Amino acid sequence: MPRARDLGIAVGSFPPGPLDAITDVPGVRVGHATVVEGNDVRTGVTVVLPHEGAPWAEPVFAGAHRLNGNGELTGLEWIRESGMLGSAVGLTNTHSVGVVRDALVAWEAEGRGGARGFWSLPVVGETWDGVLSDVNGMHVRAEHVRQALDAAAGGPVREGCVGSGTGMICHGFKGGIGTASRVAEEAGGATVGVLVQANQGSREQLRVAGYAVGAAISVDEVPSPGAFDPAGAGSIIVVVATDAPLLPGQCERLAQRAGLGVARAGGLGENFSGDLFLAFSTGNRGLPPNEIRDDAPLDVPVRMLANNYVTPLFQAVVEATEEAILNALLAASTTTGCGTTAHALEPDRLLDALRSLGWTPA
């Protein structure tokens, strides 16, 4: 399926990385496990690994932000306290957070060779896929988490109806996983990559490149799933990665700016939406792990991007988040589950709506 840039839709002004994906940040890996069974199971797991090593052995600085809290992103209290991410980031449906978290703990225990005396507080986010999938059936299992971990790799990232995005609906259309990146030359050429699990918003509020395309596409043309009451209920998880050398407070500031990208796409942070954002920086490698050990160093050197240069990173986050949401919509295919159909945002219909509003290709 074409992505936003394939259609001549340029979001913002910063250039993307080579893949226009979160994996443009060196070392970041993404893996999916898709679970589709019969007529009523449309779900899965997606994982994001911050670098090529074991995340518990080499944490990275991180920060988080809540736009609206009707959702879950586990492990954030320790990130807020310590300023470090020491786990993979798992994404799934609302009722499978526990099994994904437990599977990530088991994966770490195995990776540590059975060592005792450690604790694991994995980061696992969710959005609700109960319109298209039997969310109460607990169809995500530990084996699916392992499949996603085994599949985690750099390079192009699959989008749309894949992994944890399989059953998601975004702005009344079929949603799911999306990604994008930006290179911020004014911040030393740093790369910012974003991955979203897009399950938020109403059709009427959808905007693309500043144009109100949702209002220009009627439900007579593309029937709505009609399962969200009130309109706009849903959630989005945004994972932001950068290779800029940021401290935890700066990562938190980047996470906050993801909300502006959600808003530019038409998200309002509605009462029944869980809009939760995580940002991490790989720019300070070699941080000691969060564990009790006799050989822990007394101090470690770190680098910090001067705050005078952090604004371009804010812009990069906003642009990449907005484009990642659009890429999720464009990559998704029409999906039927549990007797309901969520229709894809077809590229030709999107372009017709944009042209009717005065848009011209970039």
Protein backbone atom coordinates (compact mmCIF):
# COMPACT_ATOMS: atom_id res chain seq x y z
CA MET A 1 0.00 0.00 0.00
CA PRO A 2 1.24 3.53 -0.70
CA ARG A 3 2.47 5.62 2.19
CA ALA A 4 1.79 9.34 2.63
CA ARG A 5 4.86 10.44 0.69
CA ASP A 6 4.10 8.05 -2.15
CA LEU A 7 0.90 10.06 -2.66
CA GLY A 8 2.67 13.42 -2.63
CA ILE A 9 1.45 14.24 0.89
CA ALA A 10 4.27 15.98 2.73
CA VAL A 11 3.66 16.40 6.44
CA GLY A 12 5.75 19.28 7.80
CA SER A 13 9.05 20.52 6.45
CA PHE A 14 11.79 18.33 7.95
CA PRO A 15 13.15 15.52 5.76
CA PRO A 16 12.48 11.91 6.74
CA GLY A 17 15.18 9.35 7.34
CA PRO A 18 15.99 6.78 4.64
CA LEU A 19 13.14 4.46 5.67
CA ASP A 20 10.80 7.08 7.11
CA ALA A 21 10.45 4.77 10.10
CA ILE A 22 11.39 4.46 13.75
CA THR A 23 14.13 2.07 12.66
CA ASP A 24 15.98 5.00 11.11
CA VAL A 25 17.27 5.51 14.65
CA PRO A 26 20.30 3.19 14.66
CA GLY A 27 19.78 -0.02 16.62
CA VAL A 28 16.02 0.29 17.08
CA ARG A 29 14.18 -2.91 16.13
CA VAL A 30 10.49 -3.70 15.64
CA GLY A 31 8.76 -7.07 15.58
CA HIS A 32 5.16 -8.21 15.11
CA ALA A 33 3.06 -11.29 15.80
CA THR A 34 -0.38 -11.19 14.18
CA VAL A 35 -3.20 -13.33 15.59
CA VAL A 36 -6.11 -13.90 13.20
CA GLU A 37 -8.45 -16.82 13.85
CA GLY A 38 -11.92 -17.50 12.45
CA ASN A 39 -14.36 -14.60 12.27
CA ASP A 40 -13.81 -13.03 15.66
CA VAL A 41 -10.07 -12.84 16.43
CA ARG A 42 -8.17 -9.84 15.02
CA THR A 43 -5.36 -8.99 17.43
CA GLY A 44 -1.64 -9.43 18.09
CA VAL A 45 1.58 -8.15 19.63
CA THR A 46 4.16 -5.60 18.52
CA VAL A 47 7.49 -5.03 20.25
CA VAL A 48 10.01 -2.20 20.02
CA LEU A 49 13.58 -2.82 21.14
CA PRO A 50 15.67 0.30 21.85
CA HIS A 51 18.97 -1.10 20.56
CA GLU A 52 20.64 -4.28 19.37
CA GLY A 53 21.65 -5.41 22.88
CA ALA A 54 19.71 -6.75 25.85
CA PRO A 55 17.63 -3.81 27.12
CA TRP A 56 17.94 -4.84 30.78
CA ALA A 57 21.73 -4.95 30.53
CA GLU A 58 21.99 -1.52 28.93
CA PRO A 59 19.11 0.84 29.73
CA VAL A 60 18.54 4.12 27.93
CA PHE A 61 17.27 7.45 29.18
CA ALA A 62 13.51 7.82 28.76
CA GLY A 63 10.49 9.91 29.67
CA ALA A 64 6.72 9.67 29.29
CA HIS A 65 3.63 11.81 29.00
CA ARG A 66 -0.10 11.30 29.45
CA LEU A 67 -2.47 13.29 27.23
CA ASN A 68 -5.49 11.39 28.53
CA GLY A 69 -5.26 8.46 30.89
CA ASN A 70 -8.08 6.09 29.96
CA GLY A 71 -5.50 3.46 29.07
CA GLU A 72 -2.45 1.59 30.28
CA LEU A 73 1.29 1.79 29.73
CA THR A 74 2.98 -0.30 32.40
CA GLY A 75 6.36 0.40 33.94
CA LEU A 76 6.05 4.18 33.77
CA GLU A 77 6.44 4.80 37.49
CA TRP A 78 9.97 3.42 37.45
CA ILE A 79 10.76 5.35 34.28
CA ARG A 80 9.55 8.54 35.96
CA GLU A 81 11.57 7.71 39.07
CA SER A 82 14.80 6.50 37.48
CA GLY A 83 14.63 8.21 34.10
CA MET A 84 15.63 4.98 32.35
CA LEU A 85 14.00 2.39 30.11
CA GLY A 86 15.39 -1.09 30.75
CA SER A 87 12.99 -3.30 28.84
CA ALA A 88 11.47 -3.95 25.46
CA VAL A 89 8.31 -1.99 24.76
CA GLY A 90 5.33 -4.26 24.14
CA LEU A 91 2.06 -3.26 22.48
CA THR A 92 -1.17 -5.26 22.43
CA ASN A 93 -4.90 -5.09 23.13
CA THR A 94 -6.40 -3.87 26.40
CA HIS A 95 -7.08 -7.24 27.98
CA SER A 96 -3.75 -8.82 27.03
CA VAL A 97 -1.41 -6.41 28.81
CA GLY A 98 -0.83 -8.90 31.63
CA VAL A 99 0.21 -11.83 29.48
CA VAL A 100 2.54 -9.65 27.39
CA ARG A 101 4.12 -8.20 30.53
CA ASP A 102 4.61 -11.66 32.04
CA ALA A 103 6.10 -12.98 28.79
CA LEU A 104 8.60 -10.11 28.71
CA VAL A 105 9.59 -10.89 32.30
CA ALA A 106 10.10 -14.54 31.33
CA TRP A 107 12.17 -13.50 28.31
CA GLU A 108 14.42 -11.42 30.52
CA ALA A 109 14.75 -14.21 33.08
CA GLU A 110 15.83 -16.55 30.30
CA GLY A 111 18.26 -13.98 28.93
CA ARG A 112 19.83 -13.61 32.34
CA GLY A 113 20.50 -17.33 32.49
CA GLY A 114 18.25 -17.99 35.43
CA ALA A 115 19.98 -15.51 37.71
CA ARG A 116 17.98 -14.65 40.82
CA GLY A 117 17.61 -11.39 42.66
CA PHE A 118 16.62 -9.16 39.76
CA TRP A 119 13.36 -7.33 39.15
CA SER A 120 11.71 -6.60 35.84
CA LEU A 121 9.21 -3.83 35.15
CA PRO A 122 8.45 -4.10 31.42
CA VAL A 123 6.72 -1.36 29.47
CA VAL A 124 3.52 -2.62 27.82
CA GLY A 125 0.92 -0.39 26.20
CA GLU A 126 -2.58 -1.14 24.97
CA THR A 127 -5.48 0.08 22.91
CA TRP A 128 -8.89 -1.59 22.67
CA ASP A 129 -9.64 -3.78 19.66
CA GLY A 130 -12.98 -5.05 20.95
CA VAL A 131 -15.00 -3.82 17.97
CA LEU A 132 -13.31 -6.19 15.52
CA SER A 133 -11.92 -8.83 17.87
CA ASP A 134 -13.03 -10.99 20.78
CA VAL A 135 -11.05 -8.93 23.29
CA ASN A 136 -12.37 -10.98 26.23
CA GLY A 137 -11.18 -14.25 24.72
CA MET A 138 -7.55 -13.73 25.82
CA HIS A 139 -6.25 -14.88 22.45
CA VAL A 140 -2.79 -13.34 22.82
CA ARG A 141 -0.47 -15.85 24.44
CA ALA A 142 3.14 -15.87 25.60
CA GLU A 143 4.18 -17.67 22.41
CA HIS A 144 3.00 -14.67 20.37
CA VAL A 145 5.18 -12.34 22.41
CA ARG A 146 8.15 -14.60 21.74
CA GLN A 147 7.34 -14.63 18.03
CA ALA A 148 7.33 -10.84 17.97
CA LEU A 149 10.64 -10.73 19.84
CA ASP A 150 12.20 -13.26 17.50
CA ALA A 151 10.97 -11.25 14.50
CA ALA A 152 12.28 -7.92 15.81
CA ALA A 153 14.62 -6.35 13.28
CA GLY A 154 15.76 -3.09 11.80
CA GLY A 155 14.85 -2.06 8.28
CA PRO A 156 11.38 -1.35 6.90
CA VAL A 157 8.54 -1.68 9.39
CA ARG A 158 5.27 -3.38 8.45
CA GLU A 159 2.29 -1.10 9.04
CA GLY A 160 -1.48 -1.21 9.22
CA CYS A 161 -3.26 -4.46 10.12
CA VAL A 162 -0.26 -6.16 11.65
CA GLY A 163 0.79 -7.19 15.15
CA SER A 164 -0.98 -5.23 17.84
CA GLY A 165 -2.59 -3.03 15.20
CA THR A 166 -4.54 -5.88 13.62
CA GLY A 167 -7.90 -5.00 15.15
CA MET A 168 -7.59 -1.24 15.64
CA ILE A 169 -9.84 1.52 14.25
CA CYS A 170 -8.61 5.10 13.75
CA HIS A 171 -10.81 8.13 13.03
CA GLY A 172 -13.61 5.84 11.89
CA PHE A 173 -11.42 3.99 9.37
CA LYS A 174 -9.32 0.87 9.78
CA GLY A 175 -6.21 1.84 11.75
CA GLY A 176 -3.26 0.05 13.29
CA ILE A 177 0.51 0.40 13.29
CA GLY A 178 2.20 3.34 11.61
CA THR A 179 5.66 4.82 11.63
CA ALA A 180 7.65 7.79 10.33
CA SER A 181 10.90 9.63 11.02
CA ARG A 182 12.53 13.02 10.70
CA VAL A 183 16.11 14.27 10.55
CA ALA A 184 16.66 17.46 12.53
CA GLU A 185 19.72 19.08 10.97
CA GLU A 186 19.56 22.01 13.38
CA ALA A 187 19.94 19.57 16.27
CA GLY A 188 23.19 18.13 14.99
CA GLY A 189 21.56 15.93 12.38
CA ALA A 190 19.78 13.86 15.00
CA THR A 191 17.13 11.39 13.89
CA VAL A 192 13.71 11.13 15.52
CA GLY A 193 11.59 8.07 14.81
CA VAL A 194 7.99 7.45 15.84
CA LEU A 195 5.82 4.35 15.95
CA VAL A 196 2.10 4.59 16.71
CA GLN A 197 -0.63 2.14 17.57
CA ALA A 198 -3.47 4.26 16.19
CA ASN A 199 -6.95 3.51 17.52
CA GLN A 200 -8.19 7.00 18.30
CA GLY A 201 -10.37 9.80 17.03
CA SER A 202 -13.59 10.40 15.13
CA ARG A 203 -14.11 10.58 11.38
CA GLU A 204 -15.37 14.16 11.55
CA GLN A 205 -12.16 15.38 13.18
CA LEU A 206 -9.65 13.65 10.87
CA ARG A 207 -7.23 16.09 9.27
CA VAL A 208 -4.50 15.36 6.72
CA ALA A 209 -1.81 17.97 6.07
CA GLY A 210 -4.10 20.54 7.68
CA TYR A 211 -7.17 19.69 5.56
CA ALA A 212 -10.40 18.48 7.17
CA VAL A 213 -10.72 15.35 5.03
CA GLY A 214 -12.82 13.44 7.57
CA ALA A 215 -15.70 15.87 7.20
CA ALA A 216 -15.31 15.66 3.40
CA ILE A 217 -15.81 11.87 3.35
CA SER A 218 -19.37 11.01 4.39
CA VAL A 219 -20.58 7.84 6.06
CA ASP A 220 -22.71 7.28 2.95
CA GLU A 221 -19.49 6.77 0.98
CA VAL A 222 -17.52 4.86 3.59
CA PRO A 223 -19.71 3.32 6.31
CA SER A 224 -18.46 3.82 9.84
CA PRO A 225 -18.00 0.85 12.20
CA GLY A 226 -20.43 2.74 14.45
CA ALA A 227 -19.25 1.00 17.59
CA PHE A 228 -17.70 3.88 19.50
CA ASP A 229 -20.10 5.70 21.80
CA PRO A 230 -19.41 8.53 22.35
CA ALA A 231 -17.68 9.31 19.08
CA GLY A 232 -13.93 9.58 19.46
CA ALA A 233 -13.57 6.88 22.10
CA GLY A 234 -10.40 4.89 21.54
CA SER A 235 -6.70 5.26 22.27
CA ILE A 236 -3.26 5.80 20.81
CA ILE A 237 0.16 4.74 22.00
CA VAL A 238 3.11 6.71 20.60
CA VAL A 239 6.70 5.47 20.95
CA VAL A 240 9.36 8.09 20.14
CA ALA A 241 13.02 7.18 19.63
CA THR A 242 15.99 9.45 18.96
CA ASP A 243 19.76 9.18 18.77
CA ALA A 244 20.16 12.71 20.12
CA PRO A 245 21.97 12.68 23.50
CA LEU A 246 19.05 13.59 25.75
CA LEU A 247 18.60 13.42 29.51
CA PRO A 248 15.37 12.02 31.02
CA GLY A 249 13.71 15.41 31.41
CA GLN A 250 14.36 16.16 27.77
CA CYS A 251 12.91 12.78 26.78
CA GLU A 252 9.78 13.66 28.73
CA ARG A 253 9.53 16.89 26.78
CA LEU A 254 9.75 14.98 23.48
CA ALA A 255 7.04 12.58 24.65
CA GLN A 256 4.80 15.53 25.44
CA ARG A 257 5.13 16.89 21.89
CA ALA A 258 3.71 13.67 20.47
CA GLY A 259 0.35 14.99 21.62
CA LEU A 260 0.68 17.89 19.20
CA GLY A 261 1.11 15.45 16.33
CA VAL A 262 -1.97 13.55 17.48
CA ALA A 263 -3.88 16.85 17.58
CA ARG A 264 -2.74 17.86 14.10
CA ALA A 265 -4.23 14.60 12.79
CA GLY A 266 -7.50 15.43 14.54
CA GLY A 267 -7.16 13.76 17.93
CA LEU A 268 -8.66 15.64 20.86
CA GLY A 269 -7.55 13.55 23.83
CA GLU A 270 -11.18 12.61 24.44
CA ASN A 271 -12.43 11.47 27.84
CA PHE A 272 -12.68 7.83 26.77
CA SER A 273 -9.31 7.77 24.99
CA GLY A 274 -6.03 6.50 26.41
CA ASP A 275 -3.37 8.69 24.80
CA LEU A 276 -0.02 7.66 26.27
CA PHE A 277 3.44 8.50 24.96
CA LEU A 278 6.96 7.18 25.64
CA ALA A 279 10.22 8.69 24.37
CA PHE A 280 13.70 7.26 24.71
CA SER A 281 17.16 8.34 23.65
CA THR A 282 19.97 6.06 22.50
CA GLY A 283 22.46 8.94 22.59
CA ASN A 284 24.00 7.88 25.91
CA ARG A 285 24.98 4.26 25.53
CA GLY A 286 26.73 2.40 28.33
CA LEU A 287 24.47 3.39 31.21
CA PRO A 288 24.68 0.89 34.11
CA PRO A 289 21.68 -1.42 34.58
CA ASN A 290 19.14 -0.90 37.34
CA GLU A 291 20.25 -3.76 39.56
CA ILE A 292 22.19 -4.49 42.70
CA ARG A 293 25.78 -5.40 41.83
CA ASP A 294 29.11 -5.09 43.59
CA ASP A 295 30.93 -3.82 40.49
CA ALA A 296 28.52 -0.98 39.71
CA PRO A 297 30.44 2.19 38.81
CA LEU A 298 30.22 5.14 41.17
CA ASP A 299 29.52 7.49 38.28
CA VAL A 300 29.27 7.43 34.50
CA PRO A 301 29.86 10.17 31.92
CA VAL A 302 26.82 11.32 29.94
CA ARG A 303 26.22 13.80 27.15
CA MET A 304 23.39 16.31 26.86
CA LEU A 305 22.05 18.20 23.90
CA ALA A 306 21.92 21.85 24.91
CA ASN A 307 18.34 23.01 25.33
CA ASN A 308 19.02 25.78 22.82
CA TYR A 309 18.88 23.05 20.14
CA VAL A 310 15.99 20.93 21.40
CA THR A 311 13.17 22.78 19.59
CA PRO A 312 13.96 21.14 16.22
CA LEU A 313 13.49 17.78 17.94
CA PHE A 314 10.07 18.94 19.12
CA GLN A 315 9.15 19.75 15.53
CA ALA A 316 10.48 16.39 14.37
CA VAL A 317 8.30 14.56 16.91
CA VAL A 318 5.18 16.50 15.91
CA GLU A 319 5.69 15.92 12.19
CA ALA A 320 6.64 12.25 12.51
CA THR A 321 3.70 11.50 14.81
CA GLU A 322 1.21 13.10 12.44
CA GLU A 323 2.65 11.25 9.45
CA ALA A 324 2.84 7.93 11.33
CA ILE A 325 -0.90 8.14 12.02
CA LEU A 326 -1.58 8.78 8.33
CA ASN A 327 0.71 5.91 7.33
CA ALA A 328 -1.20 3.61 9.69
CA LEU A 329 -4.46 4.57 8.00
CA LEU A 330 -3.09 4.16 4.47
CA ALA A 331 -1.48 0.80 5.17
CA ALA A 332 -4.55 -0.73 6.79
CA SER A 333 -6.96 -2.84 4.75
CA THR A 334 -10.71 -3.21 5.17
CA THR A 335 -11.28 -5.67 8.00
CA THR A 336 -14.36 -7.57 9.19
CA GLY A 337 -14.50 -9.10 12.65
CA CYS A 338 -17.21 -9.86 15.19
CA GLY A 339 -19.79 -8.97 12.53
CA THR A 340 -18.48 -5.42 12.07
CA THR A 341 -16.51 -4.00 9.13
CA ALA A 342 -13.96 -1.22 9.45
CA HIS A 343 -13.26 0.25 6.04
CA ALA A 344 -9.84 1.30 4.82
CA LEU A 345 -9.06 4.91 3.98
CA GLU A 346 -8.54 4.24 0.29
CA PRO A 347 -5.74 6.36 -1.24
CA ASP A 348 -7.84 7.49 -4.21
CA ARG A 349 -10.72 8.59 -1.97
CA LEU A 350 -8.32 10.45 0.29
CA LEU A 351 -6.76 12.27 -2.67
CA ASP A 352 -10.20 13.17 -4.04
CA ALA A 353 -11.16 14.64 -0.68
CA LEU A 354 -7.91 16.59 -0.43
CA ARG A 355 -8.27 18.03 -3.94
CA SER A 356 -11.85 19.06 -3.20
CA LEU A 357 -10.47 21.13 -0.32
CA GLY A 358 -7.84 22.87 -2.44
CA TRP A 359 -4.82 20.67 -1.75
CA THR A 360 -2.09 20.17 -4.34
CA PRO A 361 0.64 17.49 -4.19
CA ALA A 362 4.01 18.41 -2.74
